[in-house]
Amino acid sequence: MLNQDKANIPNYLAHSLKATIIALTLLNSSLTIAQDKVVIAIPTVSDARVFAEFKDKMPAVVNYFTEKTEEDIVAFYQNEYGQPLYQERKRGRLTLNFSQETKDIRVIISQQDRVRQVDVIIENNPQE
């Protein structure tokens, strides 16, 4: 702790320094709390059974199962993100690529038994 007698610091400077240290400590705590509460919004279809989600930092990911058809899922994400910039079907998986503001968004739809698995990945656009 600061001992003003040994340091030969005037009383008003000692109080000012203590107040500054306390203010900086509180500011740092507030910033840490604010950063911890960031959650990236990733929309899912109405019957989504989410089995994994990581939405507190980039890249953000949500994985879920749905009984919706592939067409319904594509229509849902087109409604959310607009027309895909690119789409590709490879090894039975349909990948849709969207871009919104400073984010690149990939939606991957694959058949799993009688349901579809949907993986949504949101990343910062490296060009921004």
N, C-alpha and C. Protein backbone atom coordinates (compact mmCIF):
# COMPACT_ATOMS: atom_id res chain seq x y z
N MET A 1 0.84 -1.19 0.00
CA MET A 1 0.00 0.00 0.00
C MET A 1 0.87 1.24 0.00
N LEU A 2 0.37 2.31 -0.53
CA LEU A 2 1.09 3.56 -0.62
C LEU A 2 1.21 4.19 0.76
N ASN A 3 2.43 4.49 1.16
CA ASN A 3 2.68 5.14 2.44
C ASN A 3 3.28 6.50 2.14
N GLN A 4 2.48 7.56 2.28
CA GLN A 4 2.91 8.89 1.88
C GLN A 4 3.98 9.46 2.79
N ASP A 5 4.06 9.02 4.07
CA ASP A 5 5.07 9.55 4.97
C ASP A 5 6.46 9.16 4.51
N LYS A 6 6.66 7.91 4.15
CA LYS A 6 7.98 7.43 3.73
C LYS A 6 8.35 7.95 2.35
N ALA A 7 7.37 8.17 1.49
CA ALA A 7 7.65 8.60 0.12
C ALA A 7 7.76 10.11 0.01
N ASN A 8 7.41 10.85 1.04
CA ASN A 8 7.47 12.31 1.02
C ASN A 8 6.58 12.89 -0.08
N ILE A 9 5.38 12.35 -0.21
CA ILE A 9 4.43 12.78 -1.22
C ILE A 9 3.41 13.69 -0.54
N PRO A 10 3.14 14.87 -1.13
CA PRO A 10 2.13 15.75 -0.55
C PRO A 10 0.79 15.02 -0.44
N ASN A 11 0.00 15.37 0.54
CA ASN A 11 -1.27 14.71 0.84
C ASN A 11 -2.22 14.71 -0.35
N TYR A 12 -2.36 15.84 -1.05
CA TYR A 12 -3.30 15.91 -2.17
C TYR A 12 -2.87 14.99 -3.32
N LEU A 13 -1.53 14.82 -3.53
CA LEU A 13 -1.05 13.92 -4.58
C LEU A 13 -1.29 12.46 -4.21
N ALA A 14 -1.10 12.15 -2.96
CA ALA A 14 -1.33 10.78 -2.50
C ALA A 14 -2.78 10.38 -2.69
N HIS A 15 -3.71 11.26 -2.32
CA HIS A 15 -5.14 10.97 -2.50
C HIS A 15 -5.50 10.88 -3.98
N SER A 16 -4.93 11.76 -4.78
CA SER A 16 -5.19 11.75 -6.21
C SER A 16 -4.70 10.45 -6.85
N LEU A 17 -3.51 10.03 -6.43
CA LEU A 17 -2.94 8.79 -6.96
C LEU A 17 -3.79 7.59 -6.55
N LYS A 18 -4.21 7.54 -5.30
CA LYS A 18 -5.08 6.45 -4.83
C LYS A 18 -6.39 6.42 -5.62
N ALA A 19 -6.98 7.60 -5.81
CA ALA A 19 -8.24 7.68 -6.55
C ALA A 19 -8.06 7.21 -8.00
N THR A 20 -6.94 7.58 -8.60
CA THR A 20 -6.66 7.17 -9.98
C THR A 20 -6.50 5.66 -10.07
N ILE A 21 -5.78 5.08 -9.14
CA ILE A 21 -5.57 3.62 -9.13
C ILE A 21 -6.91 2.90 -8.96
N ILE A 22 -7.74 3.39 -8.06
CA ILE A 22 -9.05 2.76 -7.84
C ILE A 22 -9.90 2.89 -9.10
N ALA A 23 -9.91 4.06 -9.72
CA ALA A 23 -10.70 4.27 -10.94
C ALA A 23 -10.25 3.36 -12.06
N LEU A 24 -8.94 3.23 -12.24
CA LEU A 24 -8.42 2.35 -13.30
C LEU A 24 -8.76 0.89 -13.02
N THR A 25 -8.70 0.49 -11.77
CA THR A 25 -9.05 -0.88 -11.41
C THR A 25 -10.52 -1.15 -11.71
N LEU A 26 -11.39 -0.23 -11.34
CA LEU A 26 -12.82 -0.39 -11.62
C LEU A 26 -13.10 -0.39 -13.11
N LEU A 27 -12.44 0.47 -13.85
CA LEU A 27 -12.61 0.53 -15.30
C LEU A 27 -12.20 -0.79 -15.94
N ASN A 28 -11.05 -1.32 -15.52
CA ASN A 28 -10.58 -2.60 -16.05
C ASN A 28 -11.56 -3.71 -15.73
N SER A 29 -12.11 -3.74 -14.53
CA SER A 29 -13.10 -4.75 -14.16
C SER A 29 -14.34 -4.63 -15.02
N SER A 30 -14.81 -3.40 -15.25
CA SER A 30 -16.00 -3.20 -16.07
C SER A 30 -15.78 -3.65 -17.50
N LEU A 31 -14.61 -3.36 -18.05
CA LEU A 31 -14.32 -3.77 -19.42
C LEU A 31 -14.27 -5.29 -19.53
N THR A 32 -13.70 -5.95 -18.55
CA THR A 32 -13.63 -7.41 -18.55
C THR A 32 -15.02 -8.01 -18.50
N ILE A 33 -15.88 -7.47 -17.64
CA ILE A 33 -17.25 -7.96 -17.53
C ILE A 33 -17.99 -7.73 -18.84
N ALA A 34 -17.83 -6.56 -19.44
CA ALA A 34 -18.51 -6.25 -20.71
C ALA A 34 -18.05 -7.20 -21.81
N GLN A 35 -16.76 -7.52 -21.87
CA GLN A 35 -16.26 -8.43 -22.89
C GLN A 35 -16.82 -9.83 -22.68
N ASP A 36 -17.00 -10.25 -21.45
CA ASP A 36 -17.49 -11.58 -21.17
C ASP A 36 -18.94 -11.76 -21.61
N LYS A 37 -19.71 -10.68 -21.73
CA LYS A 37 -21.12 -10.78 -22.04
C LYS A 37 -21.43 -10.71 -23.53
N VAL A 38 -20.42 -10.64 -24.38
CA VAL A 38 -20.64 -10.58 -25.83
C VAL A 38 -21.13 -11.95 -26.30
N VAL A 39 -22.25 -11.95 -27.01
CA VAL A 39 -22.78 -13.18 -27.57
C VAL A 39 -23.16 -12.88 -29.02
N ILE A 40 -22.62 -13.67 -29.93
CA ILE A 40 -22.91 -13.50 -31.35
C ILE A 40 -24.23 -14.21 -31.64
N ALA A 41 -25.16 -13.51 -32.25
CA ALA A 41 -26.47 -14.07 -32.56
C ALA A 41 -26.38 -14.95 -33.80
N ILE A 42 -26.78 -16.21 -33.65
CA ILE A 42 -26.83 -17.13 -34.78
C ILE A 42 -28.24 -17.71 -34.82
N PRO A 43 -29.02 -17.36 -35.85
CA PRO A 43 -30.40 -17.86 -35.92
C PRO A 43 -30.44 -19.35 -36.24
N THR A 44 -31.44 -20.02 -35.69
CA THR A 44 -31.67 -21.45 -35.97
C THR A 44 -33.14 -21.66 -36.31
N VAL A 45 -33.44 -22.71 -37.05
CA VAL A 45 -34.82 -23.02 -37.41
C VAL A 45 -35.61 -23.36 -36.15
N SER A 46 -36.93 -23.32 -36.27
CA SER A 46 -37.81 -23.44 -35.09
C SER A 46 -37.68 -24.75 -34.33
N ASP A 47 -37.40 -25.85 -35.01
CA ASP A 47 -37.32 -27.14 -34.30
C ASP A 47 -35.87 -27.58 -34.03
N ALA A 48 -34.95 -26.64 -34.05
CA ALA A 48 -33.52 -26.97 -33.88
C ALA A 48 -33.26 -27.64 -32.54
N ARG A 49 -32.54 -28.75 -32.59
CA ARG A 49 -32.04 -29.42 -31.38
C ARG A 49 -30.54 -29.18 -31.35
N VAL A 50 -30.15 -28.11 -30.68
CA VAL A 50 -28.75 -27.67 -30.65
C VAL A 50 -27.94 -28.66 -29.82
N PHE A 51 -26.81 -29.11 -30.39
CA PHE A 51 -25.93 -30.00 -29.64
C PHE A 51 -24.57 -29.37 -29.37
N ALA A 52 -24.28 -28.24 -29.98
CA ALA A 52 -23.04 -27.53 -29.68
C ALA A 52 -23.19 -26.08 -30.10
N GLU A 53 -22.68 -25.18 -29.26
CA GLU A 53 -22.67 -23.77 -29.65
C GLU A 53 -21.53 -23.05 -28.95
N PHE A 54 -20.87 -22.23 -29.72
CA PHE A 54 -19.75 -21.42 -29.24
C PHE A 54 -19.98 -20.03 -29.81
N LYS A 55 -20.63 -19.16 -29.03
CA LYS A 55 -21.07 -17.87 -29.55
C LYS A 55 -20.48 -16.69 -28.79
N ASP A 56 -19.46 -16.92 -27.98
CA ASP A 56 -18.92 -15.83 -27.18
C ASP A 56 -17.68 -15.19 -27.80
N LYS A 57 -17.16 -15.74 -28.89
CA LYS A 57 -16.04 -15.13 -29.60
C LYS A 57 -16.00 -15.68 -31.02
N MET A 58 -15.22 -15.04 -31.86
CA MET A 58 -15.12 -15.45 -33.26
C MET A 58 -14.02 -16.48 -33.45
N PRO A 59 -14.16 -17.44 -34.30
CA PRO A 59 -15.37 -17.73 -35.06
C PRO A 59 -16.47 -18.27 -34.15
N ALA A 60 -17.70 -17.90 -34.44
CA ALA A 60 -18.86 -18.37 -33.68
C ALA A 60 -19.47 -19.55 -34.44
N VAL A 61 -19.92 -20.56 -33.68
CA VAL A 61 -20.43 -21.78 -34.30
C VAL A 61 -21.67 -22.26 -33.55
N VAL A 62 -22.64 -22.75 -34.31
CA VAL A 62 -23.76 -23.48 -33.73
C VAL A 62 -23.99 -24.72 -34.59
N ASN A 63 -24.22 -25.85 -33.93
CA ASN A 63 -24.49 -27.11 -34.61
C ASN A 63 -25.81 -27.66 -34.06
N TYR A 64 -26.68 -28.08 -34.97
CA TYR A 64 -27.96 -28.60 -34.50
C TYR A 64 -28.54 -29.61 -35.49
N PHE A 65 -29.52 -30.37 -35.00
CA PHE A 65 -30.29 -31.29 -35.82
C PHE A 65 -31.69 -30.70 -36.01
N THR A 66 -32.28 -31.00 -37.17
CA THR A 66 -33.63 -30.55 -37.47
C THR A 66 -34.33 -31.58 -38.36
N GLU A 67 -35.64 -31.61 -38.25
CA GLU A 67 -36.43 -32.47 -39.15
C GLU A 67 -36.91 -31.70 -40.38
N LYS A 68 -36.58 -30.43 -40.46
CA LYS A 68 -36.96 -29.61 -41.63
C LYS A 68 -36.26 -30.16 -42.88
N THR A 69 -36.86 -29.88 -44.02
CA THR A 69 -36.26 -30.30 -45.29
C THR A 69 -35.08 -29.39 -45.62
N GLU A 70 -34.23 -29.87 -46.51
CA GLU A 70 -33.11 -29.04 -46.96
C GLU A 70 -33.62 -27.74 -47.56
N GLU A 71 -34.71 -27.82 -48.33
CA GLU A 71 -35.28 -26.63 -48.95
C GLU A 71 -35.76 -25.62 -47.90
N ASP A 72 -36.38 -26.13 -46.82
CA ASP A 72 -36.84 -25.24 -45.74
C ASP A 72 -35.66 -24.55 -45.05
N ILE A 73 -34.59 -25.29 -44.84
CA ILE A 73 -33.40 -24.73 -44.18
C ILE A 73 -32.76 -23.66 -45.07
N VAL A 74 -32.63 -23.96 -46.36
CA VAL A 74 -32.05 -22.99 -47.29
C VAL A 74 -32.91 -21.73 -47.31
N ALA A 75 -34.23 -21.89 -47.39
CA ALA A 75 -35.14 -20.73 -47.41
C ALA A 75 -35.01 -19.92 -46.12
N PHE A 76 -34.87 -20.59 -44.98
CA PHE A 76 -34.73 -19.90 -43.71
C PHE A 76 -33.48 -19.01 -43.70
N TYR A 77 -32.34 -19.57 -44.13
CA TYR A 77 -31.09 -18.79 -44.11
C TYR A 77 -31.05 -17.72 -45.20
N GLN A 78 -31.74 -17.96 -46.32
CA GLN A 78 -31.84 -16.90 -47.33
C GLN A 78 -32.67 -15.74 -46.78
N ASN A 79 -33.70 -16.05 -46.01
CA ASN A 79 -34.49 -15.01 -45.38
C ASN A 79 -33.66 -14.24 -44.35
N GLU A 80 -32.76 -14.93 -43.65
CA GLU A 80 -31.92 -14.29 -42.63
C GLU A 80 -30.77 -13.49 -43.24
N TYR A 81 -30.11 -14.07 -44.26
CA TYR A 81 -28.85 -13.51 -44.77
C TYR A 81 -28.89 -13.05 -46.23
N GLY A 82 -29.98 -13.26 -46.94
CA GLY A 82 -30.05 -12.90 -48.35
C GLY A 82 -29.59 -14.05 -49.23
N GLN A 83 -29.38 -13.76 -50.49
CA GLN A 83 -28.94 -14.80 -51.43
C GLN A 83 -27.50 -15.21 -51.12
N PRO A 84 -27.20 -16.51 -51.18
CA PRO A 84 -25.81 -16.93 -50.95
C PRO A 84 -24.89 -16.42 -52.05
N LEU A 85 -23.68 -16.07 -51.67
CA LEU A 85 -22.68 -15.65 -52.66
C LEU A 85 -22.21 -16.85 -53.47
N TYR A 86 -22.24 -18.01 -52.82
CA TYR A 86 -21.69 -19.21 -53.43
C TYR A 86 -22.34 -20.40 -52.74
N GLN A 87 -22.59 -21.46 -53.48
CA GLN A 87 -23.04 -22.70 -52.85
C GLN A 87 -22.42 -23.88 -53.58
N GLU A 88 -22.21 -24.95 -52.81
CA GLU A 88 -21.52 -26.11 -53.36
C GLU A 88 -22.05 -27.36 -52.67
N ARG A 89 -22.22 -28.42 -53.43
CA ARG A 89 -22.59 -29.71 -52.87
C ARG A 89 -21.39 -30.64 -53.04
N LYS A 90 -20.93 -31.18 -51.93
CA LYS A 90 -19.76 -32.06 -51.95
C LYS A 90 -19.97 -33.17 -50.93
N ARG A 91 -19.80 -34.41 -51.35
CA ARG A 91 -19.97 -35.58 -50.49
C ARG A 91 -21.30 -35.56 -49.73
N GLY A 92 -22.36 -35.13 -50.42
CA GLY A 92 -23.69 -35.13 -49.83
C GLY A 92 -23.99 -33.93 -48.94
N ARG A 93 -23.04 -33.04 -48.77
CA ARG A 93 -23.25 -31.85 -47.93
C ARG A 93 -23.46 -30.63 -48.81
N LEU A 94 -24.43 -29.82 -48.44
CA LEU A 94 -24.65 -28.56 -49.14
C LEU A 94 -24.05 -27.45 -48.29
N THR A 95 -23.14 -26.67 -48.87
CA THR A 95 -22.54 -25.53 -48.18
C THR A 95 -22.99 -24.25 -48.86
N LEU A 96 -23.55 -23.35 -48.05
CA LEU A 96 -23.97 -22.03 -48.51
C LEU A 96 -23.04 -20.99 -47.90
N ASN A 97 -22.55 -20.06 -48.70
CA ASN A 97 -21.67 -19.00 -48.22
C ASN A 97 -22.39 -17.66 -48.36
N PHE A 98 -22.50 -16.95 -47.23
CA PHE A 98 -23.13 -15.64 -47.19
C PHE A 98 -22.10 -14.63 -46.68
N SER A 99 -22.41 -13.36 -46.90
CA SER A 99 -21.60 -12.29 -46.34
C SER A 99 -22.54 -11.20 -45.87
N GLN A 100 -22.34 -10.76 -44.63
CA GLN A 100 -23.15 -9.68 -44.07
C GLN A 100 -22.24 -8.75 -43.31
N GLU A 101 -22.28 -7.47 -43.67
CA GLU A 101 -21.46 -6.45 -43.04
C GLU A 101 -20.00 -6.91 -43.03
N THR A 102 -19.42 -7.17 -41.88
CA THR A 102 -18.01 -7.57 -41.80
C THR A 102 -17.87 -9.05 -41.48
N LYS A 103 -18.91 -9.84 -41.73
CA LYS A 103 -18.91 -11.26 -41.35
C LYS A 103 -19.07 -12.16 -42.57
N ASP A 104 -18.32 -13.25 -42.57
CA ASP A 104 -18.51 -14.33 -43.53
C ASP A 104 -19.28 -15.43 -42.81
N ILE A 105 -20.31 -15.96 -43.46
CA ILE A 105 -21.19 -16.94 -42.83
C ILE A 105 -21.26 -18.17 -43.72
N ARG A 106 -21.01 -19.34 -43.13
CA ARG A 106 -21.15 -20.61 -43.84
C ARG A 106 -22.24 -21.42 -43.17
N VAL A 107 -23.14 -21.97 -43.97
CA VAL A 107 -24.17 -22.87 -43.48
C VAL A 107 -23.97 -24.19 -44.20
N ILE A 108 -23.75 -25.25 -43.43
CA ILE A 108 -23.50 -26.58 -44.00
C ILE A 108 -24.65 -27.49 -43.59
N ILE A 109 -25.30 -28.10 -44.57
CA ILE A 109 -26.45 -28.96 -44.32
C ILE A 109 -26.11 -30.36 -44.78
N SER A 110 -26.27 -31.34 -43.90
CA SER A 110 -25.99 -32.73 -44.27
C SER A 110 -27.07 -33.64 -43.71
N GLN A 111 -27.31 -34.73 -44.41
CA GLN A 111 -28.31 -35.72 -44.00
C GLN A 111 -27.70 -36.64 -42.95
N GLN A 112 -28.41 -36.86 -41.85
CA GLN A 112 -27.99 -37.78 -40.79
C GLN A 112 -29.20 -38.65 -40.45
N ASP A 113 -29.21 -39.88 -40.95
CA ASP A 113 -30.38 -40.77 -40.77
C ASP A 113 -31.63 -40.05 -41.25
N ARG A 114 -32.63 -39.84 -40.36
CA ARG A 114 -33.89 -39.21 -40.78
C ARG A 114 -33.94 -37.71 -40.49
N VAL A 115 -32.85 -37.13 -40.05
CA VAL A 115 -32.80 -35.69 -39.76
C VAL A 115 -31.66 -35.05 -40.53
N ARG A 116 -31.64 -33.73 -40.51
CA ARG A 116 -30.54 -33.01 -41.11
C ARG A 116 -29.71 -32.37 -40.01
N GLN A 117 -28.40 -32.38 -40.23
CA GLN A 117 -27.49 -31.66 -39.34
C GLN A 117 -27.15 -30.34 -40.02
N VAL A 118 -27.21 -29.26 -39.24
CA VAL A 118 -26.89 -27.94 -39.75
C VAL A 118 -25.75 -27.37 -38.91
N ASP A 119 -24.71 -26.93 -39.58
CA ASP A 119 -23.58 -26.28 -38.93
C ASP A 119 -23.50 -24.87 -39.48
N VAL A 120 -23.53 -23.88 -38.58
CA VAL A 120 -23.44 -22.49 -38.99
C VAL A 120 -22.16 -21.91 -38.38
N ILE A 121 -21.31 -21.35 -39.22
CA ILE A 121 -20.04 -20.79 -38.78
C ILE A 121 -19.98 -19.33 -39.22
N ILE A 122 -19.73 -18.45 -38.27
CA ILE A 122 -19.61 -17.01 -38.57
C ILE A 122 -18.21 -16.57 -38.21
N GLU A 123 -17.54 -15.96 -39.19
CA GLU A 123 -16.16 -15.49 -39.00
C GLU A 123 -16.08 -14.03 -39.40
N ASN A 124 -15.08 -13.34 -38.86
CA ASN A 124 -14.79 -11.99 -39.31
C ASN A 124 -14.27 -12.05 -40.73
N ASN A 125 -14.71 -11.13 -41.56
CA ASN A 125 -14.24 -11.06 -42.92
C ASN A 125 -12.80 -10.53 -42.89
N PRO A 126 -11.83 -11.28 -43.41
CA PRO A 126 -10.44 -10.83 -43.34
C PRO A 126 -10.14 -9.59 -44.16
N GLN A 127 -11.02 -9.24 -45.10
CA GLN A 127 -10.80 -8.06 -45.94
C GLN A 127 -11.21 -6.77 -45.25
N GLU A 128 -11.94 -6.88 -44.16
CA GLU A 128 -12.44 -5.68 -43.47
C GLU A 128 -11.40 -5.18 -42.49
